[in-house]
Structures are given as structure tokens and as C-alpha cells.
Amino acid sequence: MGLALLAGFCRLLDMTDKEEILEIIQRAPDEISMEEILETLKVLSALKEAERDSEQGNVVPHEEVKEMVPQWIAEFSGQKEHSKT
């Protein structure tokens, strides 16, 4: 079972964070690196935070996000977005 799938399964079982982490580590393949485990836990933490934000209504509407994407691309590529007039 993939680590992401296992994490979703743990949430369905309403496990505590500690129980979820222990379950993920216990079921991970023996060859998994410390870095892979840490990255998985970082992603799961971010997903949980996003889920909490969503439940609290702290979200940005889809249309606003679509308007923000060109700015993000420009910033990521090191370019300044030209102002729209």
C-alpha cells in the first residue's frame, strides 16, 4: 500500500497524528530512507492544514486563483508581470 493511500486510510479510521505516523512508518518498506519518510510527513501535514483551512472557509475562489496563476508563473520564472491596462 502506498504511503499516501495509507495516510488517507488512517484518517478514515480517525487516528491521532501519533498513531498515523507510527502506522505509516510501520508499514513502510524497509528500504525507505529517512528523507522519504520526512517528505511524506511534510506532505501529510500540509494536506491536513489545507483540509482544516477548507473546513473553516479559509479558501480562495477558483476564479481568483486563475487570475493569480500568471503572477505566480512570472515570479517563479524570475520575470515581472506586465501591468494590465
PDB file of N, CA and C in Angstrom:
ATOM      1  N   MET A   1       0.861  -1.171   0.000  1.00  0.00           N
ATOM      2  CA  MET A   1       0.000   0.000   0.000  1.00  0.00           C
ATOM      3  C   MET A   1       0.902   1.228   0.000  1.00  0.00           C
ATOM      4  N   GLY A   2       0.629   2.199  -0.900  1.00  0.00           N
ATOM      5  CA  GLY A   2       1.417   3.427  -0.959  1.00  0.00           C
ATOM      6  C   GLY A   2       1.248   4.241   0.311  1.00  0.00           C
ATOM      7  N   LEU A   3       2.257   5.030   0.632  1.00  0.00           N
ATOM      8  CA  LEU A   3       2.209   5.820   1.865  1.00  0.00           C
ATOM      9  C   LEU A   3       1.077   6.834   1.844  1.00  0.00           C
ATOM     10  N   ALA A   4       0.816   7.455   0.688  1.00  0.00           N
ATOM     11  CA  ALA A   4      -0.272   8.440   0.613  1.00  0.00           C
ATOM     12  C   ALA A   4      -1.618   7.752   0.812  1.00  0.00           C
ATOM     13  N   LEU A   5      -1.785   6.595   0.202  1.00  0.00           N
ATOM     14  CA  LEU A   5      -3.031   5.847   0.357  1.00  0.00           C
ATOM     15  C   LEU A   5      -3.209   5.416   1.806  1.00  0.00           C
ATOM     16  N   LEU A   6      -2.136   4.986   2.422  1.00  0.00           N
ATOM     17  CA  LEU A   6      -2.188   4.586   3.828  1.00  0.00           C
ATOM     18  C   LEU A   6      -2.572   5.765   4.712  1.00  0.00           C
ATOM     19  N   ALA A   7      -2.038   6.937   4.407  1.00  0.00           N
ATOM     20  CA  ALA A   7      -2.366   8.123   5.198  1.00  0.00           C
ATOM     21  C   ALA A   7      -3.848   8.433   5.108  1.00  0.00           C
ATOM     22  N   GLY A   8      -4.418   8.334   3.916  1.00  0.00           N
ATOM     23  CA  GLY A   8      -5.854   8.549   3.752  1.00  0.00           C
ATOM     24  C   GLY A   8      -6.649   7.530   4.537  1.00  0.00           C
ATOM     25  N   PHE A   9      -6.198   6.297   4.522  1.00  0.00           N
ATOM     26  CA  PHE A   9      -6.859   5.225   5.270  1.00  0.00           C
ATOM     27  C   PHE A   9      -6.827   5.515   6.770  1.00  0.00           C
ATOM     28  N   CYS A  10      -5.692   6.016   7.259  1.00  0.00           N
ATOM     29  CA  CYS A  10      -5.560   6.340   8.682  1.00  0.00           C
ATOM     30  C   CYS A  10      -6.542   7.434   9.074  1.00  0.00           C
ATOM     31  N   ARG A  11      -6.724   8.421   8.201  1.00  0.00           N
ATOM     32  CA  ARG A  11      -7.672   9.493   8.504  1.00  0.00           C
ATOM     33  C   ARG A  11      -9.086   8.952   8.607  1.00  0.00           C
ATOM     34  N   LEU A  12      -9.413   7.989   7.743  1.00  0.00           N
ATOM     35  CA  LEU A  12     -10.746   7.392   7.791  1.00  0.00           C
ATOM     36  C   LEU A  12     -10.982   6.677   9.110  1.00  0.00           C
ATOM     37  N   LEU A  13      -9.913   6.163   9.700  1.00  0.00           N
ATOM     38  CA  LEU A  13     -10.023   5.454  10.970  1.00  0.00           C
ATOM     39  C   LEU A  13      -9.999   6.418  12.149  1.00  0.00           C
ATOM     40  N   ASP A  14      -9.873   7.697  11.871  1.00  0.00           N
ATOM     41  CA  ASP A  14      -9.866   8.732  12.901  1.00  0.00           C
ATOM     42  C   ASP A  14      -8.736   8.513  13.909  1.00  0.00           C
ATOM     43  N   MET A  15      -7.546   8.249  13.387  1.00  0.00           N
ATOM     44  CA  MET A  15      -6.380   8.041  14.233  1.00  0.00           C
ATOM     45  C   MET A  15      -5.812   9.386  14.666  1.00  0.00           C
ATOM     46  N   THR A  16      -5.117   9.388  15.791  1.00  0.00           N
ATOM     47  CA  THR A  16      -4.394  10.587  16.201  1.00  0.00           C
ATOM     48  C   THR A  16      -3.188  10.754  15.277  1.00  0.00           C
ATOM     49  N   ASP A  17      -2.594  11.940  15.291  1.00  0.00           N
ATOM     50  CA  ASP A  17      -1.407  12.172  14.467  1.00  0.00           C
ATOM     51  C   ASP A  17      -0.310  11.164  14.804  1.00  0.00           C
ATOM     52  N   LYS A  18      -0.091  10.938  16.087  1.00  0.00           N
ATOM     53  CA  LYS A  18       0.948  10.000  16.512  1.00  0.00           C
ATOM     54  C   LYS A  18       0.648   8.597  15.996  1.00  0.00           C
ATOM     55  N   GLU A  19      -0.585   8.151  16.140  1.00  0.00           N
ATOM     56  CA  GLU A  19      -0.956   6.813  15.658  1.00  0.00           C
ATOM     57  C   GLU A  19      -0.768   6.709  14.154  1.00  0.00           C
ATOM     58  N   GLU A  20      -1.129   7.782  13.443  1.00  0.00           N
ATOM     59  CA  GLU A  20      -0.981   7.785  11.985  1.00  0.00           C
ATOM     60  C   GLU A  20       0.485   7.698  11.580  1.00  0.00           C
ATOM     61  N   ILE A  21       1.342   8.480  12.235  1.00  0.00           N
ATOM     62  CA  ILE A  21       2.775   8.464  11.930  1.00  0.00           C
ATOM     63  C   ILE A  21       3.367   7.084  12.199  1.00  0.00           C
ATOM     64  N   LEU A  22       3.026   6.509  13.335  1.00  0.00           N
ATOM     65  CA  LEU A  22       3.549   5.177  13.673  1.00  0.00           C
ATOM     66  C   LEU A  22       3.077   4.129  12.661  1.00  0.00           C
ATOM     67  N   GLU A  23       1.828   4.218  12.237  1.00  0.00           N
ATOM     68  CA  GLU A  23       1.282   3.268  11.257  1.00  0.00           C
ATOM     69  C   GLU A  23       1.994   3.402   9.915  1.00  0.00           C
ATOM     70  N   ILE A  24       2.224   4.634   9.492  1.00  0.00           N
ATOM     71  CA  ILE A  24       2.914   4.873   8.224  1.00  0.00           C
ATOM     72  C   ILE A  24       4.329   4.301   8.278  1.00  0.00           C
ATOM     73  N   ILE A  25       5.041   4.572   9.348  1.00  0.00           N
ATOM     74  CA  ILE A  25       6.413   4.071   9.472  1.00  0.00           C
ATOM     75  C   ILE A  25       6.427   2.547   9.561  1.00  0.00           C
ATOM     76  N   GLN A  26       5.492   1.985  10.320  1.00  0.00           N
ATOM     77  CA  GLN A  26       5.433   0.533  10.479  1.00  0.00           C
ATOM     78  C   GLN A  26       5.190  -0.173   9.145  1.00  0.00           C
ATOM     79  N   ARG A  27       4.359   0.405   8.299  1.00  0.00           N
ATOM     80  CA  ARG A  27       4.001  -0.238   7.032  1.00  0.00           C
ATOM     81  C   ARG A  27       4.912   0.137   5.869  1.00  0.00           C
ATOM     82  N   ALA A  28       5.819   1.076   6.090  1.00  0.00           N
ATOM     83  CA  ALA A  28       6.733   1.486   5.023  1.00  0.00           C
ATOM     84  C   ALA A  28       7.701   0.355   4.712  1.00  0.00           C
ATOM     85  N   PRO A  29       8.157   0.285   3.468  1.00  0.00           N
ATOM     86  CA  PRO A  29       9.144  -0.741   3.128  1.00  0.00           C
ATOM     87  C   PRO A  29      10.441  -0.523   3.899  1.00  0.00           C
ATOM     88  N   ASP A  30      11.148  -1.593   4.184  1.00  0.00           N
ATOM     89  CA  ASP A  30      12.392  -1.495   4.942  1.00  0.00           C
ATOM     90  C   ASP A  30      13.430  -0.617   4.250  1.00  0.00           C
ATOM     91  N   GLU A  31      13.347  -0.515   2.926  1.00  0.00           N
ATOM     92  CA  GLU A  31      14.337   0.243   2.158  1.00  0.00           C
ATOM     93  C   GLU A  31      14.072   1.743   2.155  1.00  0.00           C
ATOM     94  N   ILE A  32      12.986   2.193   2.734  1.00  0.00           N
ATOM     95  CA  ILE A  32      12.644   3.617   2.682  1.00  0.00           C
ATOM     96  C   ILE A  32      13.677   4.444   3.436  1.00  0.00           C
ATOM     97  N   SER A  33      14.000   5.587   2.868  1.00  0.00           N
ATOM     98  CA  SER A  33      15.011   6.448   3.501  1.00  0.00           C
ATOM     99  C   SER A  33      14.342   7.392   4.499  1.00  0.00           C
ATOM    100  N   MET A  34      15.157   7.929   5.364  1.00  0.00           N
ATOM    101  CA  MET A  34      14.687   8.924   6.331  1.00  0.00           C
ATOM    102  C   MET A  34      14.097  10.123   5.594  1.00  0.00           C
ATOM    103  N   GLU A  35      14.769  10.522   4.499  1.00  0.00           N
ATOM    104  CA  GLU A  35      14.297  11.666   3.719  1.00  0.00           C
ATOM    105  C   GLU A  35      12.909  11.403   3.137  1.00  0.00           C
ATOM    106  N   GLU A  36      12.666  10.185   2.644  1.00  0.00           N
ATOM    107  CA  GLU A  36      11.350   9.847   2.084  1.00  0.00           C
ATOM    108  C   GLU A  36      10.269   9.891   3.165  1.00  0.00           C
ATOM    109  N   ILE A  37      10.595   9.398   4.325  1.00  0.00           N
ATOM    110  CA  ILE A  37       9.626   9.426   5.434  1.00  0.00           C
ATOM    111  C   ILE A  37       9.326  10.872   5.818  1.00  0.00           C
ATOM    112  N   LEU A  38      10.367  11.685   5.967  1.00  0.00           N
ATOM    113  CA  LEU A  38      10.170  13.084   6.337  1.00  0.00           C
ATOM    114  C   LEU A  38       9.366  13.833   5.279  1.00  0.00           C
ATOM    115  N   GLU A  39       9.661  13.594   4.012  1.00  0.00           N
ATOM    116  CA  GLU A  39       8.920  14.254   2.929  1.00  0.00           C
ATOM    117  C   GLU A  39       7.453  13.840   2.957  1.00  0.00           C
ATOM    118  N   THR A  40       7.195  12.573   3.190  1.00  0.00           N
ATOM    119  CA  THR A  40       5.818  12.093   3.286  1.00  0.00           C
ATOM    120  C   THR A  40       5.093  12.779   4.435  1.00  0.00           C
ATOM    121  N   LEU A  41       5.750  12.889   5.577  1.00  0.00           N
ATOM    122  CA  LEU A  41       5.125  13.535   6.733  1.00  0.00           C
ATOM    123  C   LEU A  41       4.889  15.026   6.485  1.00  0.00           C
ATOM    124  N   LYS A  42       5.810  15.686   5.769  1.00  0.00           N
ATOM    125  CA  LYS A  42       5.614  17.097   5.429  1.00  0.00           C
ATOM    126  C   LYS A  42       4.389  17.267   4.529  1.00  0.00           C
ATOM    127  N   VAL A  43       4.267  16.396   3.539  1.00  0.00           N
ATOM    128  CA  VAL A  43       3.130  16.479   2.623  1.00  0.00           C
ATOM    129  C   VAL A  43       1.831  16.226   3.378  1.00  0.00           C
ATOM    130  N   LEU A  44       1.818  15.218   4.226  1.00  0.00           N
ATOM    131  CA  LEU A  44       0.613  14.918   5.001  1.00  0.00           C
ATOM    132  C   LEU A  44       0.245  16.060   5.925  1.00  0.00           C
ATOM    133  N   SER A  45       1.245  16.700   6.522  1.00  0.00           N
ATOM    134  CA  SER A  45       0.991  17.840   7.390  1.00  0.00           C
ATOM    135  C   SER A  45       0.367  18.985   6.599  1.00  0.00           C
ATOM    136  N   ALA A  46       0.902  19.248   5.415  1.00  0.00           N
ATOM    137  CA  ALA A  46       0.354  20.319   4.570  1.00  0.00           C
ATOM    138  C   ALA A  46      -1.072  20.002   4.144  1.00  0.00           C
ATOM    139  N   LEU A  47      -1.338  18.739   3.827  1.00  0.00           N
ATOM    140  CA  LEU A  47      -2.695  18.341   3.434  1.00  0.00           C
ATOM    141  C   LEU A  47      -3.678  18.504   4.587  1.00  0.00           C
ATOM    142  N   LYS A  48      -3.243  18.138   5.785  1.00  0.00           N
ATOM    143  CA  LYS A  48      -4.113  18.303   6.955  1.00  0.00           C
ATOM    144  C   LYS A  48      -4.401  19.774   7.214  1.00  0.00           C
ATOM    145  N   GLU A  49      -3.377  20.610   7.061  1.00  0.00           N
ATOM    146  CA  GLU A  49      -3.570  22.042   7.253  1.00  0.00           C
ATOM    147  C   GLU A  49      -4.548  22.595   6.212  1.00  0.00           C
ATOM    148  N   ALA A  50      -4.400  22.168   4.978  1.00  0.00           N
ATOM    149  CA  ALA A  50      -5.307  22.615   3.914  1.00  0.00           C
ATOM    150  C   ALA A  50      -6.735  22.144   4.181  1.00  0.00           C
ATOM    151  N   GLU A  51      -6.863  20.929   4.679  1.00  0.00           N
ATOM    152  CA  GLU A  51      -8.188  20.397   4.997  1.00  0.00           C
ATOM    153  C   GLU A  51      -8.846  21.227   6.108  1.00  0.00           C
ATOM    154  N   ARG A  52      -8.063  21.571   7.138  1.00  0.00           N
ATOM    155  CA  ARG A  52      -8.594  22.412   8.223  1.00  0.00           C
ATOM    156  C   ARG A  52      -9.001  23.786   7.697  1.00  0.00           C
ATOM    157  N   ASP A  53      -8.155  24.377   6.858  1.00  0.00           N
ATOM    158  CA  ASP A  53      -8.475  25.685   6.272  1.00  0.00           C
ATOM    159  C   ASP A  53      -9.766  25.612   5.472  1.00  0.00           C
ATOM    160  N   SER A  54      -9.914  24.570   4.700  1.00  0.00           N
ATOM    161  CA  SER A  54     -11.114  24.408   3.887  1.00  0.00           C
ATOM    162  C   SER A  54     -12.354  24.283   4.754  1.00  0.00           C
ATOM    163  N   GLU A  55     -12.255  23.504   5.812  1.00  0.00           N
ATOM    164  CA  GLU A  55     -13.390  23.321   6.719  1.00  0.00           C
ATOM    165  C   GLU A  55     -13.779  24.628   7.395  1.00  0.00           C
ATOM    166  N   GLN A  56     -12.795  25.516   7.596  1.00  0.00           N
ATOM    167  CA  GLN A  56     -13.048  26.804   8.248  1.00  0.00           C
ATOM    168  C   GLN A  56     -13.421  27.898   7.248  1.00  0.00           C
ATOM    169  N   GLY A  57     -13.472  27.540   5.980  1.00  0.00           N
ATOM    170  CA  GLY A  57     -13.834  28.513   4.952  1.00  0.00           C
ATOM    171  C   GLY A  57     -12.694  29.414   4.525  1.00  0.00           C
ATOM    172  N   ASN A  58     -11.482  29.086   4.923  1.00  0.00           N
ATOM    173  CA  ASN A  58     -10.306  29.881   4.546  1.00  0.00           C
ATOM    174  C   ASN A  58      -9.783  29.405   3.195  1.00  0.00           C
ATOM    175  N   VAL A  59     -10.522  29.734   2.152  1.00  0.00           N
ATOM    176  CA  VAL A  59     -10.155  29.300   0.811  1.00  0.00           C
ATOM    177  C   VAL A  59     -10.225  30.482  -0.152  1.00  0.00           C
ATOM    178  N   VAL A  60      -9.578  30.333  -1.290  1.00  0.00           N
ATOM    179  CA  VAL A  60      -9.624  31.340  -2.342  1.00  0.00           C
ATOM    180  C   VAL A  60     -10.483  30.768  -3.469  1.00  0.00           C
ATOM    181  N   PRO A  61     -11.471  31.526  -3.917  1.00  0.00           N
ATOM    182  CA  PRO A  61     -12.325  31.033  -5.003  1.00  0.00           C
ATOM    183  C   PRO A  61     -11.513  30.703  -6.258  1.00  0.00           C
ATOM    184  N   HIS A  62     -11.980  29.735  -7.003  1.00  0.00           N
ATOM    185  CA  HIS A  62     -11.300  29.236  -8.193  1.00  0.00           C
ATOM    186  C   HIS A  62     -10.987  30.363  -9.179  1.00  0.00           C
ATOM    187  N   GLU A  63     -11.930  31.249  -9.420  1.00  0.00           N
ATOM    188  CA  GLU A  63     -11.714  32.345 -10.368  1.00  0.00           C
ATOM    189  C   GLU A  63     -10.562  33.246  -9.935  1.00  0.00           C
ATOM    190  N   GLU A  64     -10.446  33.512  -8.640  1.00  0.00           N
ATOM    191  CA  GLU A  64      -9.334  34.333  -8.141  1.00  0.00           C
ATOM    192  C   GLU A  64      -8.003  33.626  -8.342  1.00  0.00           C
ATOM    193  N   VAL A  65      -7.990  32.333  -8.112  1.00  0.00           N
ATOM    194  CA  VAL A  65      -6.756  31.560  -8.295  1.00  0.00           C
ATOM    195  C   VAL A  65      -6.327  31.616  -9.759  1.00  0.00           C
ATOM    196  N   LYS A  66      -7.282  31.476 -10.668  1.00  0.00           N
ATOM    197  CA  LYS A  66      -6.956  31.540 -12.097  1.00  0.00           C
ATOM    198  C   LYS A  66      -6.324  32.884 -12.450  1.00  0.00           C
ATOM    199  N   GLU A  67      -6.768  33.965 -11.812  1.00  0.00           N
ATOM    200  CA  GLU A  67      -6.197  35.282 -12.068  1.00  0.00           C
ATOM    201  C   GLU A  67      -4.793  35.406 -11.462  1.00  0.00           C
ATOM    202  N   MET A  68      -4.515  34.651 -10.410  1.00  0.00           N
ATOM    203  CA  MET A  68      -3.232  34.727  -9.720  1.00  0.00           C
ATOM    204  C   MET A  68      -2.140  33.915 -10.415  1.00  0.00           C
ATOM    205  N   VAL A  69      -2.514  32.919 -11.187  1.00  0.00           N
ATOM    206  CA  VAL A  69      -1.546  31.998 -11.787  1.00  0.00           C
ATOM    207  C   VAL A  69      -0.506  32.718 -12.645  1.00  0.00           C
ATOM    208  N   PRO A  70      -0.896  33.647 -13.533  1.00  0.00           N
ATOM    209  CA  PRO A  70       0.148  34.314 -14.337  1.00  0.00           C
ATOM    210  C   PRO A  70       1.193  35.030 -13.480  1.00  0.00           C
ATOM    211  N   GLN A  71       0.775  35.626 -12.384  1.00  0.00           N
ATOM    212  CA  GLN A  71       1.728  36.297 -11.489  1.00  0.00           C
ATOM    213  C   GLN A  71       2.677  35.277 -10.868  1.00  0.00           C
ATOM    214  N   TRP A  72       2.134  34.142 -10.443  1.00  0.00           N
ATOM    215  CA  TRP A  72       2.982  33.103  -9.858  1.00  0.00           C
ATOM    216  C   TRP A  72       4.002  32.611 -10.869  1.00  0.00           C
ATOM    217  N   ILE A  73       3.555  32.408 -12.095  1.00  0.00           N
ATOM    218  CA  ILE A  73       4.458  31.930 -13.147  1.00  0.00           C
ATOM    219  C   ILE A  73       5.556  32.953 -13.387  1.00  0.00           C
ATOM    220  N   ALA A  74       5.181  34.224 -13.454  1.00  0.00           N
ATOM    221  CA  ALA A  74       6.173  35.282 -13.667  1.00  0.00           C
ATOM    222  C   ALA A  74       7.173  35.319 -12.519  1.00  0.00           C
ATOM    223  N   GLU A  75       6.697  35.219 -11.291  1.00  0.00           N
ATOM    224  CA  GLU A  75       7.596  35.225 -10.130  1.00  0.00           C
ATOM    225  C   GLU A  75       8.504  34.009 -10.132  1.00  0.00           C
ATOM    226  N   PHE A  76       7.935  32.861 -10.480  1.00  0.00           N
ATOM    227  CA  PHE A  76       8.716  31.628 -10.490  1.00  0.00           C
ATOM    228  C   PHE A  76       9.810  31.679 -11.553  1.00  0.00           C
ATOM    229  N   SER A  77       9.481  32.270 -12.690  1.00  0.00           N
ATOM    230  CA  SER A  77      10.455  32.322 -13.781  1.00  0.00           C
ATOM    231  C   SER A  77      11.401  33.503 -13.660  1.00  0.00           C
ATOM    232  N   GLY A  78      11.214  34.337 -12.599  1.00  0.00           N
ATOM    233  CA  GLY A  78      12.104  35.451 -12.372  1.00  0.00           C
ATOM    234  C   GLY A  78      11.752  36.689 -13.181  1.00  0.00           C
ATOM    235  N   GLN A  79      10.577  36.676 -13.814  1.00  0.00           N
ATOM    236  CA  GLN A  79      10.157  37.820 -14.614  1.00  0.00           C
ATOM    237  C   GLN A  79       9.111  38.612 -13.855  1.00  0.00           C
ATOM    238  N   LYS A  80       9.005  39.883 -14.192  1.00  0.00           N
ATOM    239  CA  LYS A  80       7.943  40.700 -13.610  1.00  0.00           C
ATOM    240  C   LYS A  80       6.751  40.653 -14.548  1.00  0.00           C
ATOM    241  N   GLU A  81       5.589  40.558 -13.956  1.00  0.00           N
ATOM    242  CA  GLU A  81       4.378  40.566 -14.768  1.00  0.00           C
ATOM    243  C   GLU A  81       4.128  41.982 -15.256  1.00  0.00           C
ATOM    244  N   HIS A  82       3.834  42.121 -16.519  1.00  0.00           N
ATOM    245  CA  HIS A  82       3.498  43.445 -17.059  1.00  0.00           C
ATOM    246  C   HIS A  82       2.118  43.816 -16.592  1.00  0.00           C
ATOM    247  N   SER A  83       1.961  45.090 -16.181  1.00  0.00           N
ATOM    248  CA  SER A  83       0.645  45.513 -15.709  1.00  0.00           C
ATOM    249  C   SER A  83      -0.338  45.562 -16.854  1.00  0.00           C
ATOM    250  N   LYS A  84      -1.550  45.156 -16.497  1.00  0.00           N
ATOM    251  CA  LYS A  84      -2.628  45.152 -17.494  1.00  0.00           C
ATOM    252  C   LYS A  84      -3.347  46.490 -17.400  1.00  0.00           C
ATOM    253  N   THR A  85      -3.506  47.147 -18.528  1.00  0.00           N
ATOM    254  CA  THR A  85      -4.229  48.423 -18.521  1.00  0.00           C
ATOM    255  C   THR A  85      -5.414  48.369 -19.432  1.00  0.00           C
TER     256      THR A  85
END
